[in-house]
């Protein structure tokens, strides 16, 4: 099952730039390992924002939850910099088109 993940981050005033970007750097290493392993299909940083968008390929919600909570932001106690997480299950567009044919009677 493919799921799109959108994560919004915010730099707390209590964290220095070095600390904030340092934890984010650790996060990039972990995420790119996930890409290499095939669990993350692709990942992007939204330009001009503290936002990351990724597409995960997982079997179920448990696997998704485990993947996100094993990232450095959580394991090192920085989850407070995450201000929003949004999960969106993705549907194959060809399958959607086939379903539309059925629904429309075409």
PDB file of N, CA and C in Angstrom:
ATOM      1  N   UNK A   1       0.847  -1.166   0.000  1.00  0.00           N
ATOM      2  CA  UNK A   1       0.000   0.000   0.000  1.00  0.00           C
ATOM      3  C   UNK A   1       0.898   1.236   0.000  1.00  0.00           C
ATOM      4  N   UNK A   2       0.601   2.152  -0.882  1.00  0.00           N
ATOM      5  CA  UNK A   2       1.370   3.398  -0.927  1.00  0.00           C
ATOM      6  C   UNK A   2       0.648   4.469  -0.117  1.00  0.00           C
ATOM      7  N   UNK A   3       1.426   5.157   0.698  1.00  0.00           N
ATOM      8  CA  UNK A   3       0.893   6.221   1.545  1.00  0.00           C
ATOM      9  C   UNK A   3       1.777   7.452   1.392  1.00  0.00           C
ATOM     10  N   UNK A   4       1.140   8.596   1.160  1.00  0.00           N
ATOM     11  CA  UNK A   4       1.878   9.857   1.114  1.00  0.00           C
ATOM     12  C   UNK A   4       1.920  10.428   2.527  1.00  0.00           C
ATOM     13  N   UNK A   5       3.088  10.829   2.921  1.00  0.00           N
ATOM     14  CA  UNK A   5       3.303  11.442   4.231  1.00  0.00           C
ATOM     15  C   UNK A   5       3.725  12.885   4.021  1.00  0.00           C
ATOM     16  N   UNK A   6       3.058  13.791   4.729  1.00  0.00           N
ATOM     17  CA  UNK A   6       3.483  15.191   4.735  1.00  0.00           C
ATOM     18  C   UNK A   6       3.759  15.567   6.174  1.00  0.00           C
ATOM     19  N   UNK A   7       4.963  16.076   6.416  1.00  0.00           N
ATOM     20  CA  UNK A   7       5.378  16.463   7.759  1.00  0.00           C
ATOM     21  C   UNK A   7       5.792  17.929   7.739  1.00  0.00           C
ATOM     22  N   UNK A   8       5.200  18.709   8.624  1.00  0.00           N
ATOM     23  CA  UNK A   8       5.585  20.107   8.799  1.00  0.00           C
ATOM     24  C   UNK A   8       6.430  20.208  10.058  1.00  0.00           C
ATOM     25  N   UNK A   9       7.528  20.941   9.953  1.00  0.00           N
ATOM     26  CA  UNK A   9       8.450  21.124  11.072  1.00  0.00           C
ATOM     27  C   UNK A   9       8.510  22.596  11.453  1.00  0.00           C
ATOM     28  N   UNK A  10       8.891  22.862  12.678  1.00  0.00           N
ATOM     29  CA  UNK A  10       9.116  24.233  13.139  1.00  0.00           C
ATOM     30  C   UNK A  10      10.343  24.230  14.036  1.00  0.00           C
ATOM     31  N   UNK A  11      11.161  25.250  13.887  1.00  0.00           N
ATOM     32  CA  UNK A  11      12.361  25.376  14.717  1.00  0.00           C
ATOM     33  C   UNK A  11      11.993  26.108  16.002  1.00  0.00           C
ATOM     34  N   UNK A  12      12.039  25.403  17.134  1.00  0.00           N
ATOM     35  CA  UNK A  12      11.764  26.068  18.407  1.00  0.00           C
ATOM     36  C   UNK A  12      12.851  27.101  18.724  1.00  0.00           C
ATOM     37  N   UNK A  13      12.471  28.176  19.380  1.00  0.00           N
ATOM     38  CA  UNK A  13      13.447  29.200  19.744  1.00  0.00           C
ATOM     39  C   UNK A  13      14.525  28.639  20.656  1.00  0.00           C
ATOM     40  N   UNK A  14      14.190  27.623  21.433  1.00  0.00           N
ATOM     41  CA  UNK A  14      15.155  27.049  22.374  1.00  0.00           C
ATOM     42  C   UNK A  14      16.257  26.243  21.682  1.00  0.00           C
ATOM     43  N   UNK A  15      16.050  25.881  20.425  1.00  0.00           N
ATOM     44  CA  UNK A  15      17.072  25.126  19.684  1.00  0.00           C
ATOM     45  C   UNK A  15      17.911  26.074  18.839  1.00  0.00           C
ATOM     46  N   UNK A  16      19.201  25.876  18.873  1.00  0.00           N
ATOM     47  CA  UNK A  16      20.069  26.647  17.983  1.00  0.00           C
ATOM     48  C   UNK A  16      19.896  26.122  16.563  1.00  0.00           C
ATOM     49  N   UNK A  17      20.329  26.921  15.590  1.00  0.00           N
ATOM     50  CA  UNK A  17      20.297  26.455  14.200  1.00  0.00           C
ATOM     51  C   UNK A  17      21.098  25.172  14.056  1.00  0.00           C
ATOM     52  N   UNK A  18      22.240  25.111  14.732  1.00  0.00           N
ATOM     53  CA  UNK A  18      23.099  23.929  14.647  1.00  0.00           C
ATOM     54  C   UNK A  18      22.359  22.683  15.134  1.00  0.00           C
ATOM     55  N   UNK A  19      21.649  22.794  16.262  1.00  0.00           N
ATOM     56  CA  UNK A  19      20.893  21.652  16.788  1.00  0.00           C
ATOM     57  C   UNK A  19      19.747  21.260  15.843  1.00  0.00           C
ATOM     58  N   UNK A  20      18.999  22.264  15.380  1.00  0.00           N
ATOM     59  CA  UNK A  20      17.846  22.011  14.513  1.00  0.00           C
ATOM     60  C   UNK A  20      18.278  21.347  13.213  1.00  0.00           C
ATOM     61  N   UNK A  21      19.256  21.944  12.547  1.00  0.00           N
ATOM     62  CA  UNK A  21      19.695  21.372  11.274  1.00  0.00           C
ATOM     63  C   UNK A  21      20.472  20.075  11.481  1.00  0.00           C
ATOM     64  N   UNK A  22      21.097  19.924  12.634  1.00  0.00           N
ATOM     65  CA  UNK A  22      21.811  18.685  12.937  1.00  0.00           C
ATOM     66  C   UNK A  22      20.864  17.501  13.054  1.00  0.00           C
ATOM     67  N   UNK A  23      19.743  17.697  13.750  1.00  0.00           N
ATOM     68  CA  UNK A  23      18.779  16.596  13.862  1.00  0.00           C
ATOM     69  C   UNK A  23      18.118  16.339  12.515  1.00  0.00           C
ATOM     70  N   UNK A  24      17.885  17.394  11.750  1.00  0.00           N
ATOM     71  CA  UNK A  24      17.293  17.210  10.422  1.00  0.00           C
ATOM     72  C   UNK A  24      18.269  16.454   9.514  1.00  0.00           C
ATOM     73  N   UNK A  25      19.564  16.731   9.657  1.00  0.00           N
ATOM     74  CA  UNK A  25      20.568  16.007   8.874  1.00  0.00           C
ATOM     75  C   UNK A  25      20.523  14.512   9.201  1.00  0.00           C
ATOM     76  N   UNK A  26      20.432  14.179  10.488  1.00  0.00           N
ATOM     77  CA  UNK A  26      20.309  12.764  10.875  1.00  0.00           C
ATOM     78  C   UNK A  26      19.058  12.150  10.251  1.00  0.00           C
ATOM     79  N   UNK A  27      18.008  12.933  10.215  1.00  0.00           N
ATOM     80  CA  UNK A  27      16.747  12.474   9.625  1.00  0.00           C
ATOM     81  C   UNK A  27      16.922  12.186   8.133  1.00  0.00           C
ATOM     82  N   UNK A  28      17.690  13.027   7.444  1.00  0.00           N
ATOM     83  CA  UNK A  28      17.904  12.794   6.006  1.00  0.00           C
ATOM     84  C   UNK A  28      18.660  11.498   5.771  1.00  0.00           C
ATOM     85  N   UNK A  29      19.655  11.220   6.611  1.00  0.00           N
ATOM     86  CA  UNK A  29      20.404   9.965   6.462  1.00  0.00           C
ATOM     87  C   UNK A  29      19.468   8.764   6.623  1.00  0.00           C
ATOM     88  N   UNK A  30      18.625   8.799   7.657  1.00  0.00           N
ATOM     89  CA  UNK A  30      17.691   7.695   7.907  1.00  0.00           C
ATOM     90  C   UNK A  30      16.684   7.564   6.765  1.00  0.00           C
ATOM     91  N   UNK A  31      16.185   8.692   6.279  1.00  0.00           N
ATOM     92  CA  UNK A  31      15.206   8.657   5.189  1.00  0.00           C
ATOM     93  C   UNK A  31      15.824   8.113   3.906  1.00  0.00           C
ATOM     94  N   UNK A  32      17.038   8.528   3.600  1.00  0.00           N
ATOM     95  CA  UNK A  32      17.687   8.037   2.384  1.00  0.00           C
ATOM     96  C   UNK A  32      18.024   6.551   2.492  1.00  0.00           C
ATOM     97  N   UNK A  33      18.290   6.073   3.707  1.00  0.00           N
ATOM     98  CA  UNK A  33      18.446   4.627   3.910  1.00  0.00           C
ATOM     99  C   UNK A  33      17.124   3.922   3.619  1.00  0.00           C
ATOM    100  N   UNK A  34      16.017   4.545   4.011  1.00  0.00           N
ATOM    101  CA  UNK A  34      14.693   3.992   3.721  1.00  0.00           C
ATOM    102  C   UNK A  34      14.409   3.933   2.233  1.00  0.00           C
ATOM    103  N   UNK A  35      14.886   4.940   1.498  1.00  0.00           N
ATOM    104  CA  UNK A  35      14.747   4.935   0.037  1.00  0.00           C
ATOM    105  C   UNK A  35      15.561   3.786  -0.545  1.00  0.00           C
ATOM    106  N   UNK A  36      16.800   3.652  -0.095  1.00  0.00           N
ATOM    107  CA  UNK A  36      17.675   2.585  -0.598  1.00  0.00           C
ATOM    108  C   UNK A  36      17.098   1.202  -0.297  1.00  0.00           C
ATOM    109  N   UNK A  37      16.427   1.059   0.847  1.00  0.00           N
ATOM    110  CA  UNK A  37      15.842  -0.230   1.241  1.00  0.00           C
ATOM    111  C   UNK A  37      14.508  -0.501   0.546  1.00  0.00           C
ATOM    112  N   UNK A  38      13.927   0.524  -0.076  1.00  0.00           N
ATOM    113  CA  UNK A  38      12.678   0.340  -0.802  1.00  0.00           C
ATOM    114  C   UNK A  38      11.417   0.650  -0.023  1.00  0.00           C
ATOM    115  N   UNK A  39      11.524   0.964   1.256  1.00  0.00           N
ATOM    116  CA  UNK A  39      10.339   1.291   2.053  1.00  0.00           C
ATOM    117  C   UNK A  39       9.793   2.677   1.762  1.00  0.00           C
ATOM    118  N   UNK A  40      10.691   3.570   1.349  1.00  0.00           N
ATOM    119  CA  UNK A  40      10.288   4.911   0.926  1.00  0.00           C
ATOM    120  C   UNK A  40      10.505   4.967  -0.579  1.00  0.00           C
ATOM    121  N   UNK A  41       9.419   5.219  -1.327  1.00  0.00           N
ATOM    122  CA  UNK A  41       9.527   5.235  -2.789  1.00  0.00           C
ATOM    123  C   UNK A  41      10.204   6.510  -3.286  1.00  0.00           C
ATOM    124  N   UNK A  42       9.900   7.618  -2.622  1.00  0.00           N
ATOM    125  CA  UNK A  42      10.528   8.889  -2.965  1.00  0.00           C
ATOM    126  C   UNK A  42      10.281   9.852  -1.819  1.00  0.00           C
ATOM    127  N   UNK A  43      11.118  10.878  -1.758  1.00  0.00           N
ATOM    128  CA  UNK A  43      11.000  11.859  -0.678  1.00  0.00           C
ATOM    129  C   UNK A  43      11.448  13.215  -1.207  1.00  0.00           C
ATOM    130  N   UNK A  44      10.764  14.264  -0.761  1.00  0.00           N
ATOM    131  CA  UNK A  44      11.066  15.619  -1.200  1.00  0.00           C
ATOM    132  C   UNK A  44      11.043  16.557   0.000  1.00  0.00           C
ATOM    133  N   UNK A  45      11.796  17.631  -0.105  1.00  0.00           N
ATOM    134  CA  UNK A  45      11.694  18.746   0.835  1.00  0.00           C
ATOM    135  C   UNK A  45      11.007  19.856   0.060  1.00  0.00           C
ATOM    136  N   UNK A  46       9.912  20.376   0.566  1.00  0.00           N
ATOM    137  CA  UNK A  46       9.203  21.457  -0.111  1.00  0.00           C
ATOM    138  C   UNK A  46      10.073  22.713  -0.084  1.00  0.00           C
ATOM    139  N   UNK A  47      10.271  23.304  -1.237  1.00  0.00           N
ATOM    140  CA  UNK A  47      11.114  24.494  -1.340  1.00  0.00           C
ATOM    141  C   UNK A  47      10.508  25.647  -0.536  1.00  0.00           C
ATOM    142  N   UNK A  48      11.350  26.317   0.224  1.00  0.00           N
ATOM    143  CA  UNK A  48      10.929  27.485   0.981  1.00  0.00           C
ATOM    144  C   UNK A  48      10.137  27.186   2.240  1.00  0.00           C
ATOM    145  N   UNK A  49      10.015  25.913   2.600  1.00  0.00           N
ATOM    146  CA  UNK A  49       9.242  25.534   3.787  1.00  0.00           C
ATOM    147  C   UNK A  49      10.021  24.509   4.594  1.00  0.00           C
ATOM    148  N   UNK A  50       9.704  24.423   5.871  1.00  0.00           N
ATOM    149  CA  UNK A  50      10.190  23.327   6.705  1.00  0.00           C
ATOM    150  C   UNK A  50       9.165  22.199   6.567  1.00  0.00           C
ATOM    151  N   UNK A  51       9.158  21.576   5.409  1.00  0.00           N
ATOM    152  CA  UNK A  51       8.164  20.550   5.113  1.00  0.00           C
ATOM    153  C   UNK A  51       8.799  19.431   4.297  1.00  0.00           C
ATOM    154  N   UNK A  52       8.432  18.202   4.640  1.00  0.00           N
ATOM    155  CA  UNK A  52       8.915  17.024   3.928  1.00  0.00           C
ATOM    156  C   UNK A  52       7.703  16.237   3.445  1.00  0.00           C
ATOM    157  N   UNK A  53       7.789  15.761   2.212  1.00  0.00           N
ATOM    158  CA  UNK A  53       6.736  14.939   1.619  1.00  0.00           C
ATOM    159  C   UNK A  53       7.391  13.658   1.136  1.00  0.00           C
ATOM    160  N   UNK A  54       6.798  12.530   1.484  1.00  0.00           N
ATOM    161  CA  UNK A  54       7.361  11.241   1.083  1.00  0.00           C
ATOM    162  C   UNK A  54       6.242  10.293   0.700  1.00  0.00           C
ATOM    163  N   UNK A  55       6.581   9.336  -0.149  1.00  0.00           N
ATOM    164  CA  UNK A  55       5.656   8.256  -0.478  1.00  0.00           C
ATOM    165  C   UNK A  55       6.274   6.966   0.037  1.00  0.00           C
ATOM    166  N   UNK A  56       5.569   6.332   0.956  1.00  0.00           N
ATOM    167  CA  UNK A  56       6.003   5.075   1.560  1.00  0.00           C
ATOM    168  C   UNK A  56       5.283   3.908   0.891  1.00  0.00           C
ATOM    169  N   UNK A  57       5.949   2.776   0.839  1.00  0.00           N
ATOM    170  CA  UNK A  57       5.335   1.535   0.379  1.00  0.00           C
ATOM    171  C   UNK A  57       5.330   0.585   1.571  1.00  0.00           C
ATOM    172  N   UNK A  58       4.168   0.426   2.195  1.00  0.00           N
ATOM    173  CA  UNK A  58       4.050  -0.379   3.412  1.00  0.00           C
ATOM    174  C   UNK A  58       2.933  -1.407   3.261  1.00  0.00           C
ATOM    175  N   UNK A  59       2.972  -2.405   4.127  1.00  0.00           N
ATOM    176  CA  UNK A  59       1.936  -3.441   4.105  1.00  0.00           C
ATOM    177  C   UNK A  59       0.700  -3.036   4.903  1.00  0.00           C
ATOM    178  N   UNK A  60       0.908  -2.249   5.972  1.00  0.00           N
ATOM    179  CA  UNK A  60      -0.221  -1.890   6.830  1.00  0.00           C
ATOM    180  C   UNK A  60       0.139  -0.675   7.683  1.00  0.00           C
ATOM    181  N   UNK A  61      -0.832  -0.209   8.446  1.00  0.00           N
ATOM    182  CA  UNK A  61      -0.636   0.978   9.280  1.00  0.00           C
ATOM    183  C   UNK A  61       0.395   0.743  10.376  1.00  0.00           C
ATOM    184  N   UNK A  62       0.474  -0.477  10.889  1.00  0.00           N
ATOM    185  CA  UNK A  62       1.469  -0.781  11.918  1.00  0.00           C
ATOM    186  C   UNK A  62       2.878  -0.543  11.390  1.00  0.00           C
ATOM    187  N   UNK A  63       3.136  -0.996  10.181  1.00  0.00           N
ATOM    188  CA  UNK A  63       4.458  -0.825   9.574  1.00  0.00           C
ATOM    189  C   UNK A  63       4.769   0.657   9.367  1.00  0.00           C
ATOM    190  N   UNK A  64       3.766   1.430   8.975  1.00  0.00           N
ATOM    191  CA  UNK A  64       3.952   2.870   8.785  1.00  0.00           C
ATOM    192  C   UNK A  64       4.286   3.537  10.113  1.00  0.00           C
ATOM    193  N   UNK A  65       3.548   3.191  11.149  1.00  0.00           N
ATOM    194  CA  UNK A  65       3.765   3.777  12.471  1.00  0.00           C
ATOM    195  C   UNK A  65       5.158   3.436  12.996  1.00  0.00           C
ATOM    196  N   UNK A  66       5.569   2.194  12.824  1.00  0.00           N
ATOM    197  CA  UNK A  66       6.900   1.772  13.265  1.00  0.00           C
ATOM    198  C   UNK A  66       7.994   2.518  12.506  1.00  0.00           C
ATOM    199  N   UNK A  67       7.799   2.686  11.206  1.00  0.00           N
ATOM    200  CA  UNK A  67       8.804   3.380  10.393  1.00  0.00           C
ATOM    201  C   UNK A  67       8.997   4.818  10.865  1.00  0.00           C
ATOM    202  N   UNK A  68       7.907   5.521  11.085  1.00  0.00           N
ATOM    203  CA  UNK A  68       8.015   6.930  11.460  1.00  0.00           C
ATOM    204  C   UNK A  68       8.588   7.088  12.867  1.00  0.00           C
ATOM    205  N   UNK A  69       8.239   6.187  13.782  1.00  0.00           N
ATOM    206  CA  UNK A  69       8.722   6.319  15.155  1.00  0.00           C
ATOM    207  C   UNK A  69      10.141   5.802  15.355  1.00  0.00           C
ATOM    208  N   UNK A  70      10.722   5.213  14.332  1.00  0.00           N
ATOM    209  CA  UNK A  70      12.127   4.808  14.397  1.00  0.00           C
ATOM    210  C   UNK A  70      13.061   5.858  13.805  1.00  0.00           C
ATOM    211  N   UNK A  71      12.502   6.970  13.340  1.00  0.00           N
ATOM    212  CA  UNK A  71      13.333   8.041  12.789  1.00  0.00           C
ATOM    213  C   UNK A  71      13.975   8.847  13.923  1.00  0.00           C
ATOM    214  N   UNK A  72      15.132   9.453  13.669  1.00  0.00           N
ATOM    215  CA  UNK A  72      15.859  10.188  14.714  1.00  0.00           C
ATOM    216  C   UNK A  72      15.055  11.276  15.424  1.00  0.00           C
ATOM    217  N   UNK A  73      14.141  11.941  14.729  1.00  0.00           N
ATOM    218  CA  UNK A  73      13.355  12.989  15.388  1.00  0.00           C
ATOM    219  C   UNK A  73      12.616  12.411  16.593  1.00  0.00           C
ATOM    220  N   UNK A  74      12.144  11.175  16.480  1.00  0.00           N
ATOM    221  CA  UNK A  74      11.438  10.541  17.601  1.00  0.00           C
ATOM    222  C   UNK A  74      12.404   9.866  18.559  1.00  0.00           C
ATOM    223  N   UNK A  75      13.346   9.103  18.034  1.00  0.00           N
ATOM    224  CA  UNK A  75      14.222   8.325  18.916  1.00  0.00           C
ATOM    225  C   UNK A  75      15.137   9.205  19.754  1.00  0.00           C
ATOM    226  N   UNK A  76      15.422  10.408  19.270  1.00  0.00           N
ATOM    227  CA  UNK A  76      16.311  11.307  20.013  1.00  0.00           C
ATOM    228  C   UNK A  76      15.550  12.396  20.771  1.00  0.00           C
ATOM    229  N   UNK A  77      14.215  12.281  20.838  1.00  0.00           N
ATOM    230  CA  UNK A  77      13.425  13.190  21.662  1.00  0.00           C
ATOM    231  C   UNK A  77      13.142  14.550  21.059  1.00  0.00           C
ATOM    232  N   UNK A  78      13.093  14.646  19.738  1.00  0.00           N
ATOM    233  CA  UNK A  78      12.833  15.932  19.091  1.00  0.00           C
ATOM    234  C   UNK A  78      11.470  15.980  18.405  1.00  0.00           C
ATOM    235  N   UNK A  79      10.554  15.110  18.802  1.00  0.00           N
ATOM    236  CA  UNK A  79       9.247  15.076  18.136  1.00  0.00           C
ATOM    237  C   UNK A  79       8.492  16.398  18.266  1.00  0.00           C
ATOM    238  N   UNK A  80       8.872  17.217  19.238  1.00  0.00           N
ATOM    239  CA  UNK A  80       8.203  18.512  19.414  1.00  0.00           C
ATOM    240  C   UNK A  80       8.445  19.469  18.249  1.00  0.00           C
ATOM    241  N   UNK A  81       9.430  19.203  17.388  1.00  0.00           N
ATOM    242  CA  UNK A  81       9.646  20.085  16.236  1.00  0.00           C
ATOM    243  C   UNK A  81       8.695  19.742  15.091  1.00  0.00           C
ATOM    244  N   UNK A  82       7.990  18.618  15.203  1.00  0.00           N
ATOM    245  CA  UNK A  82       6.989  18.236  14.206  1.00  0.00           C
ATOM    246  C   UNK A  82       5.668  18.883  14.600  1.00  0.00           C
ATOM    247  N   UNK A  83       5.172  19.779  13.753  1.00  0.00           N
ATOM    248  CA  UNK A  83       3.939  20.500  14.079  1.00  0.00           C
ATOM    249  C   UNK A  83       2.708  19.875  13.441  1.00  0.00           C
ATOM    250  N   UNK A  84       2.906  19.082  12.389  1.00  0.00           N
ATOM    251  CA  UNK A  84       1.774  18.459  11.714  1.00  0.00           C
ATOM    252  C   UNK A  84       2.257  17.237  10.944  1.00  0.00           C
ATOM    253  N   UNK A  85       1.472  16.171  11.021  1.00  0.00           N
ATOM    254  CA  UNK A  85       1.722  14.976  10.213  1.00  0.00           C
ATOM    255  C   UNK A  85       0.415  14.640   9.514  1.00  0.00           C
ATOM    256  N   UNK A  86       0.502  14.426   8.215  1.00  0.00           N
ATOM    257  CA  UNK A  86      -0.688  14.065   7.450  1.00  0.00           C
ATOM    258  C   UNK A  86      -0.387  12.829   6.614  1.00  0.00           C
ATOM    259  N   UNK A  87      -1.222  11.796   6.755  1.00  0.00           N
ATOM    260  CA  UNK A  87      -1.092  10.555   5.992  1.00  0.00           C
ATOM    261  C   UNK A  87      -2.210  10.501   4.964  1.00  0.00           C
ATOM    262  N   UNK A  88      -1.879  10.167   3.736  1.00  0.00           N
ATOM    263  CA  UNK A  88      -2.891  10.016   2.702  1.00  0.00           C
ATOM    264  C   UNK A  88      -2.650   8.721   1.946  1.00  0.00           C
ATOM    265  N   UNK A  89      -3.545   7.733   2.083  1.00  0.00           N
ATOM    266  CA  UNK A  89      -3.409   6.518   1.284  1.00  0.00           C
ATOM    267  C   UNK A  89      -3.584   6.870  -0.194  1.00  0.00           C
ATOM    268  N   UNK A  90      -2.765   6.291  -1.035  1.00  0.00           N
ATOM    269  CA  UNK A  90      -2.798   6.591  -2.464  1.00  0.00           C
ATOM    270  C   UNK A  90      -3.409   5.428  -3.238  1.00  0.00           C
ATOM    271  N   UNK A  91      -4.197   5.771  -4.227  1.00  0.00           N
ATOM    272  CA  UNK A  91      -4.854   4.773  -5.058  1.00  0.00           C
ATOM    273  C   UNK A  91      -4.299   4.862  -6.473  1.00  0.00           C
ATOM    274  N   UNK A  92      -4.013   3.720  -7.055  1.00  0.00           N
ATOM    275  CA  UNK A  92      -3.527   3.664  -8.427  1.00  0.00           C
ATOM    276  C   UNK A  92      -4.554   4.315  -9.353  1.00  0.00           C
ATOM    277  N   UNK A  93      -4.093   5.209 -10.222  1.00  0.00           N
ATOM    278  CA  UNK A  93      -5.026   5.969 -11.048  1.00  0.00           C
ATOM    279  C   UNK A  93      -5.704   5.104 -12.102  1.00  0.00           C
ATOM    280  N   UNK A  94      -5.013   4.088 -12.604  1.00  0.00           N
ATOM    281  CA  UNK A  94      -5.651   3.175 -13.560  1.00  0.00           C
ATOM    282  C   UNK A  94      -6.808   2.439 -12.891  1.00  0.00           C
ATOM    283  N   UNK A  95      -6.599   2.010 -11.647  1.00  0.00           N
ATOM    284  CA  UNK A  95      -7.681   1.350 -10.907  1.00  0.00           C
ATOM    285  C   UNK A  95      -8.862   2.293 -10.705  1.00  0.00           C
ATOM    286  N   UNK A  96      -8.562   3.555 -10.428  1.00  0.00           N
ATOM    287  CA  UNK A  96      -9.617   4.562 -10.272  1.00  0.00           C
ATOM    288  C   UNK A  96     -10.372   4.737 -11.580  1.00  0.00           C
ATOM    289  N   UNK A  97      -9.661   4.797 -12.683  1.00  0.00           N
ATOM    290  CA  UNK A  97     -10.299   4.938 -13.992  1.00  0.00           C
ATOM    291  C   UNK A  97     -11.223   3.753 -14.277  1.00  0.00           C
ATOM    292  N   UNK A  98     -10.746   2.551 -13.968  1.00  0.00           N
ATOM    293  CA  UNK A  98     -11.572   1.357 -14.164  1.00  0.00           C
ATOM    294  C   UNK A  98     -12.826   1.411 -13.294  1.00  0.00           C
ATOM    295  N   UNK A  99     -12.678   1.882 -12.073  1.00  0.00           N
ATOM    296  CA  UNK A  99     -13.815   2.014 -11.164  1.00  0.00           C
ATOM    297  C   UNK A  99     -14.808   3.048 -11.696  1.00  0.00           C
ATOM    298  N   UNK A 100     -14.300   4.143 -12.241  1.00  0.00           N
ATOM    299  CA  UNK A 100     -15.173   5.169 -12.817  1.00  0.00           C
ATOM    300  C   UNK A 100     -15.988   4.609 -13.973  1.00  0.00           C
ATOM    301  N   UNK A 101     -15.371   3.756 -14.773  1.00  0.00           N
ATOM    302  CA  UNK A 101     -16.104   3.134 -15.887  1.00  0.00           C
ATOM    303  C   UNK A 101     -17.290   2.344 -15.354  1.00  0.00           C
ATOM    304  N   UNK A 102     -17.068   1.599 -14.274  1.00  0.00           N
ATOM    305  CA  UNK A 102     -18.152   0.823 -13.657  1.00  0.00           C
ATOM    306  C   UNK A 102     -19.237   1.745 -13.108  1.00  0.00           C
ATOM    307  N   UNK A 103     -18.819   2.788 -12.380  1.00  0.00           N
ATOM    308  CA  UNK A 103     -19.787   3.681 -11.741  1.00  0.00           C
ATOM    309  C   UNK A 103     -20.594   4.478 -12.757  1.00  0.00           C
ATOM    310  N   UNK A 104     -19.964   4.811 -13.886  1.00  0.00           N
ATOM    311  CA  UNK A 104     -20.651   5.628 -14.888  1.00  0.00           C
ATOM    312  C   UNK A 104     -21.443   4.786 -15.878  1.00  0.00           C
ATOM    313  N   UNK A 105     -21.266   3.476 -15.806  1.00  0.00           N
ATOM    314  CA  UNK A 105     -21.967   2.601 -16.738  1.00  0.00           C
ATOM    315  C   UNK A 105     -21.353   2.585 -18.122  1.00  0.00           C
ATOM    316  N   UNK A 106     -20.133   3.070 -18.227  1.00  0.00           N
ATOM    317  CA  UNK A 106     -19.469   3.132 -19.547  1.00  0.00           C
ATOM    318  C   UNK A 106     -18.956   1.775 -19.981  1.00  0.00           C
TER     319      UNK A 106
END
